[in-house]
Amino acid sequence: MHVITPCANLNNSIRYYQKLGYTQLEDEELTLFSDGKVLIQIHADRFIRPGICVSSDRPLPAKVKDHLIETAVGYACTDPNGVWIYFTDQLILEGDARPSLLGNFEGISLEVHRLESSVAFYNDIGFEVNSGSADAGWVSMKDANGTSISMMKPQTCPHLFFNPGLTYFNGGKNPEIIQALRNAGVKFAEEVTYFNPKGEVDNVILRDPGGLGIFVFND
């Protein structure tokens, strides 16, 4: 599984991920970046939207197949919350990549208004519940490769939220990481003070040129 983000200007998006410290992988056809834990594909097709890309080698139930449309990536549909899911049979091999400036990647976050049906959908495309429950208001699911998707019900997160969003949890090191991002000239979509008793910025939210969200949080 990897993440797809569109672009209005490919060079601007490439520079953005270089500024974040991601490694650009060598590929003759695709524009790929990685930090060793998450793979990001920048796609120049103007009809592509930020989304999650999974392998199409897994048989899909009819209730998913019936909603597929053809795109520049492969076939696609949306999950129950409108998040784009792309299915491709194109094999993408990851190369060596150094950690980015963002810290410890924990997975993909989604804000969902239909938690139970979302769990059922992601189960149909190869994810299994790892922790949480609908009653608790959040669920974490993992695919066969261990990539995590965390889903939260509405009005859980008191800050900007972009679906889908890459999530980095850094504990007490987050202030250092935020400063490193400032030093690199990275602009923030939001500087979050809500959780800090002193009103200090200890979490930040980024948004790449294609609209993909990135959460850089304490935990």
Protein backbone atom coordinates (compact mmCIF):
# COMPACT_ATOMS: atom_id res chain seq x y z
CA MET A 1 0.00 0.00 0.00
CA HIS A 2 1.14 3.54 -0.67
CA VAL A 3 -0.26 7.06 -0.75
CA ILE A 4 -1.02 9.08 -3.88
CA THR A 5 -0.99 12.86 -4.02
CA PRO A 6 -1.77 14.96 -7.11
CA CYS A 7 0.08 18.08 -8.21
CA ALA A 8 -0.55 21.26 -10.14
CA ASN A 9 3.17 21.66 -10.72
CA LEU A 10 5.34 18.55 -10.49
CA ASN A 11 8.56 20.43 -9.74
CA ASN A 12 6.93 22.30 -6.85
CA SER A 13 5.74 19.04 -5.31
CA ILE A 14 9.16 17.45 -5.76
CA ARG A 15 10.81 20.40 -4.02
CA TYR A 16 8.27 20.20 -1.20
CA TYR A 17 9.10 16.59 -0.36
CA GLN A 18 12.81 17.25 -0.74
CA LYS A 19 12.42 20.07 1.79
CA LEU A 20 10.76 17.62 4.19
CA GLY A 21 13.76 15.32 3.88
CA TYR A 22 12.13 12.48 1.95
CA THR A 23 14.25 10.42 -0.41
CA GLN A 24 13.29 10.43 -4.09
CA LEU A 25 13.40 6.87 -5.39
CA GLU A 26 14.76 5.99 -8.80
CA ASP A 27 11.98 5.03 -11.20
CA GLU A 28 11.75 5.63 -14.94
CA GLU A 29 7.99 6.16 -14.96
CA LEU A 30 6.79 7.18 -11.49
CA THR A 31 7.63 10.05 -9.14
CA LEU A 32 8.14 8.37 -5.77
CA PHE A 33 9.31 9.56 -2.37
CA SER A 34 9.89 7.58 0.82
CA ASP A 35 11.16 8.02 4.36
CA GLY A 36 11.71 4.29 4.75
CA LYS A 37 8.25 3.70 6.24
CA VAL A 38 5.73 5.32 3.91
CA LEU A 39 5.79 5.51 0.12
CA ILE A 40 4.32 8.57 -1.59
CA GLN A 41 3.55 8.75 -5.30
CA ILE A 42 3.20 12.21 -6.83
CA HIS A 43 0.86 11.97 -9.81
CA ALA A 44 0.61 14.64 -12.50
CA ASP A 45 -2.80 13.59 -13.86
CA ARG A 46 -5.23 16.45 -13.17
CA PHE A 47 -8.09 14.12 -12.29
CA ILE A 48 -6.24 12.33 -9.49
CA ARG A 49 -7.08 13.22 -5.88
CA PRO A 50 -5.21 12.48 -2.61
CA GLY A 51 -5.86 8.87 -1.71
CA ILE A 52 -4.67 5.44 -0.72
CA CYS A 53 -3.39 2.96 -3.30
CA VAL A 54 -3.59 -0.79 -2.69
CA SER A 55 -2.63 -3.81 -4.76
CA SER A 56 -5.35 -5.14 -7.05
CA ASP A 57 -4.17 -8.75 -6.75
CA ARG A 58 -6.64 -9.35 -3.92
CA PRO A 59 -10.12 -10.42 -5.10
CA LEU A 60 -12.65 -7.72 -4.31
CA PRO A 61 -16.26 -8.37 -3.33
CA ALA A 62 -18.96 -7.34 -5.79
CA LYS A 63 -20.11 -4.50 -3.54
CA VAL A 64 -16.70 -2.87 -4.08
CA LYS A 65 -16.18 -3.86 -7.73
CA ASP A 66 -19.57 -2.47 -8.72
CA HIS A 67 -18.44 1.05 -7.77
CA LEU A 68 -15.05 1.09 -9.50
CA ILE A 69 -14.18 3.65 -12.15
CA GLU A 70 -11.13 3.69 -14.41
CA THR A 71 -8.44 6.29 -13.66
CA ALA A 72 -4.88 7.08 -14.70
CA VAL A 73 -3.63 4.99 -11.77
CA GLY A 74 -5.91 2.00 -12.25
CA TYR A 75 -9.39 1.41 -10.95
CA ALA A 76 -10.73 3.47 -8.07
CA CYS A 77 -13.66 4.06 -5.77
CA THR A 78 -14.29 6.03 -2.60
CA ASP A 79 -14.66 4.65 0.89
CA PRO A 80 -17.89 5.40 2.83
CA ASN A 81 -16.48 8.82 3.74
CA GLY A 82 -15.39 9.96 0.29
CA VAL A 83 -11.69 9.07 0.61
CA TRP A 84 -10.32 7.89 -2.74
CA ILE A 85 -9.00 4.32 -2.88
CA TYR A 86 -6.96 3.32 -5.94
CA PHE A 87 -6.33 -0.27 -7.02
CA THR A 88 -3.32 -1.04 -9.20
CA ASP A 89 -1.50 -4.12 -10.47
CA GLN A 90 1.66 -2.09 -11.03
CA LEU A 91 4.49 -3.44 -8.88
CA ILE A 92 6.28 -0.69 -6.98
CA LEU A 93 9.57 -1.68 -5.37
CA GLU A 94 10.89 0.54 -2.60
CA GLY A 95 14.55 1.47 -2.53
CA ASP A 96 16.78 2.67 0.27
CA ALA A 97 15.47 5.80 1.97
CA ARG A 98 16.61 7.88 4.89
CA PRO A 99 14.25 9.15 7.62
CA SER A 100 12.55 12.46 6.86
CA LEU A 101 12.46 15.56 9.06
CA LEU A 102 8.97 14.55 10.23
CA GLY A 103 10.06 11.85 12.65
CA ASN A 104 8.29 8.59 13.44
CA PHE A 105 5.62 7.56 10.92
CA GLU A 106 2.68 5.84 12.63
CA GLY A 107 0.24 5.37 9.76
CA ILE A 108 -2.65 7.04 7.96
CA SER A 109 -5.40 8.89 9.82
CA LEU A 110 -9.00 9.26 8.66
CA GLU A 111 -11.90 11.18 10.14
CA VAL A 112 -15.01 9.13 9.42
CA HIS A 113 -18.69 9.72 10.01
CA ARG A 114 -19.65 6.08 9.38
CA LEU A 115 -17.26 4.09 11.54
CA GLU A 116 -18.86 0.64 11.32
CA SER A 117 -19.32 0.74 7.55
CA SER A 118 -15.79 2.10 7.17
CA VAL A 119 -14.38 -0.85 9.12
CA ALA A 120 -16.36 -3.23 6.88
CA PHE A 121 -15.08 -1.50 3.73
CA TYR A 122 -11.41 -1.63 4.72
CA ASN A 123 -11.81 -5.23 5.79
CA ASP A 124 -13.07 -5.99 2.28
CA ILE A 125 -9.90 -4.53 0.73
CA GLY A 126 -7.44 -6.35 2.99
CA PHE A 127 -7.26 -4.62 6.37
CA GLU A 128 -7.95 -6.18 9.76
CA VAL A 129 -8.86 -4.53 13.06
CA ASN A 130 -5.80 -4.13 15.25
CA SER A 131 -7.21 -2.13 18.16
CA GLY A 132 -10.12 0.07 19.18
CA SER A 133 -13.82 -0.39 18.47
CA ALA A 134 -16.84 1.45 17.13
CA ASP A 135 -18.09 1.88 20.70
CA ALA A 136 -14.81 3.55 21.66
CA GLY A 137 -15.14 5.96 18.73
CA TRP A 138 -11.92 4.93 17.02
CA VAL A 139 -10.52 1.89 15.24
CA SER A 140 -7.02 1.03 14.06
CA MET A 141 -6.63 -1.43 11.18
CA LYS A 142 -3.55 -2.93 9.51
CA ASP A 143 -2.87 -4.55 6.15
CA ALA A 144 -0.66 -7.59 5.51
CA ASN A 145 2.44 -5.37 5.39
CA GLY A 146 1.69 -3.79 8.75
CA THR A 147 0.62 -0.38 7.43
CA SER A 148 -1.87 1.16 9.84
CA ILE A 149 -5.04 3.14 9.17
CA SER A 150 -6.58 4.86 12.20
CA MET A 151 -10.19 5.99 11.94
CA MET A 152 -11.81 8.45 14.33
CA LYS A 153 -15.40 9.56 14.64
CA PRO A 154 -16.31 13.23 14.04
CA GLN A 155 -15.59 15.85 16.71
CA THR A 156 -12.65 13.88 18.08
CA CYS A 157 -9.85 16.11 16.76
CA PRO A 158 -10.02 19.87 17.59
CA HIS A 159 -7.87 21.01 14.68
CA LEU A 160 -7.76 21.01 10.89
CA PHE A 161 -8.19 17.55 9.42
CA PHE A 162 -7.39 16.45 5.90
CA ASN A 163 -8.55 13.03 4.67
CA PRO A 164 -6.34 11.08 4.29
CA GLY A 165 -3.53 12.32 6.50
CA LEU A 166 -0.07 10.91 7.14
CA THR A 167 0.53 10.75 10.89
CA TYR A 168 3.83 11.15 12.72
CA PHE A 169 4.06 10.71 16.51
CA ASN A 170 7.24 11.98 18.13
CA GLY A 171 6.58 12.26 21.86
CA GLY A 172 8.79 14.76 23.66
CA LYS A 173 10.97 15.25 20.56
CA ASN A 174 8.22 17.03 18.64
CA PRO A 175 9.32 20.60 19.57
CA GLU A 176 12.77 19.84 18.11
CA ILE A 177 11.18 18.46 14.95
CA ILE A 178 8.90 21.48 14.61
CA GLN A 179 11.93 23.76 14.88
CA ALA A 180 13.79 21.72 12.26
CA LEU A 181 10.82 22.14 9.92
CA ARG A 182 10.81 25.89 10.56
CA ASN A 183 14.53 26.04 9.83
CA ALA A 184 13.91 24.21 6.54
CA GLY A 185 11.34 26.82 5.54
CA VAL A 186 8.34 24.48 5.73
CA LYS A 187 5.00 26.28 6.02
CA PHE A 188 2.35 24.94 8.41
CA ALA A 189 -1.37 24.69 7.69
CA GLU A 190 -1.96 24.96 11.45
CA GLU A 191 0.14 25.40 14.57
CA VAL A 192 -1.77 23.52 17.27
CA THR A 193 -1.79 24.82 20.87
CA TYR A 194 -5.04 23.18 22.01
CA PHE A 195 -3.39 20.34 23.94
CA ASN A 196 -0.68 22.43 25.60
CA PRO A 197 -1.53 23.88 29.05
CA LYS A 198 0.80 26.84 28.40
CA GLY A 199 -0.68 27.56 24.98
CA GLU A 200 2.56 26.67 23.23
CA VAL A 201 2.79 25.12 19.77
CA ASP A 202 3.60 21.46 20.29
CA ASN A 203 1.83 19.93 17.27
CA VAL A 204 1.71 21.08 13.65
CA ILE A 205 -0.31 20.18 10.59
CA LEU A 206 1.07 20.36 7.06
CA ARG A 207 -0.63 20.16 3.70
CA ASP A 208 1.34 19.30 0.59
CA PRO A 209 0.78 21.11 -2.75
CA GLY A 210 -1.70 18.42 -3.83
CA GLY A 211 -3.84 18.61 -0.69
CA LEU A 212 -2.48 15.62 1.24
CA GLY A 213 -2.50 16.23 5.00
CA ILE A 214 0.44 15.51 7.30
CA PHE A 215 0.05 15.48 11.09
CA VAL A 216 3.23 15.97 13.14
CA PHE A 217 2.12 15.35 16.71
CA ASN A 218 3.44 14.47 20.14
CA ASP A 219 1.30 11.33 20.34
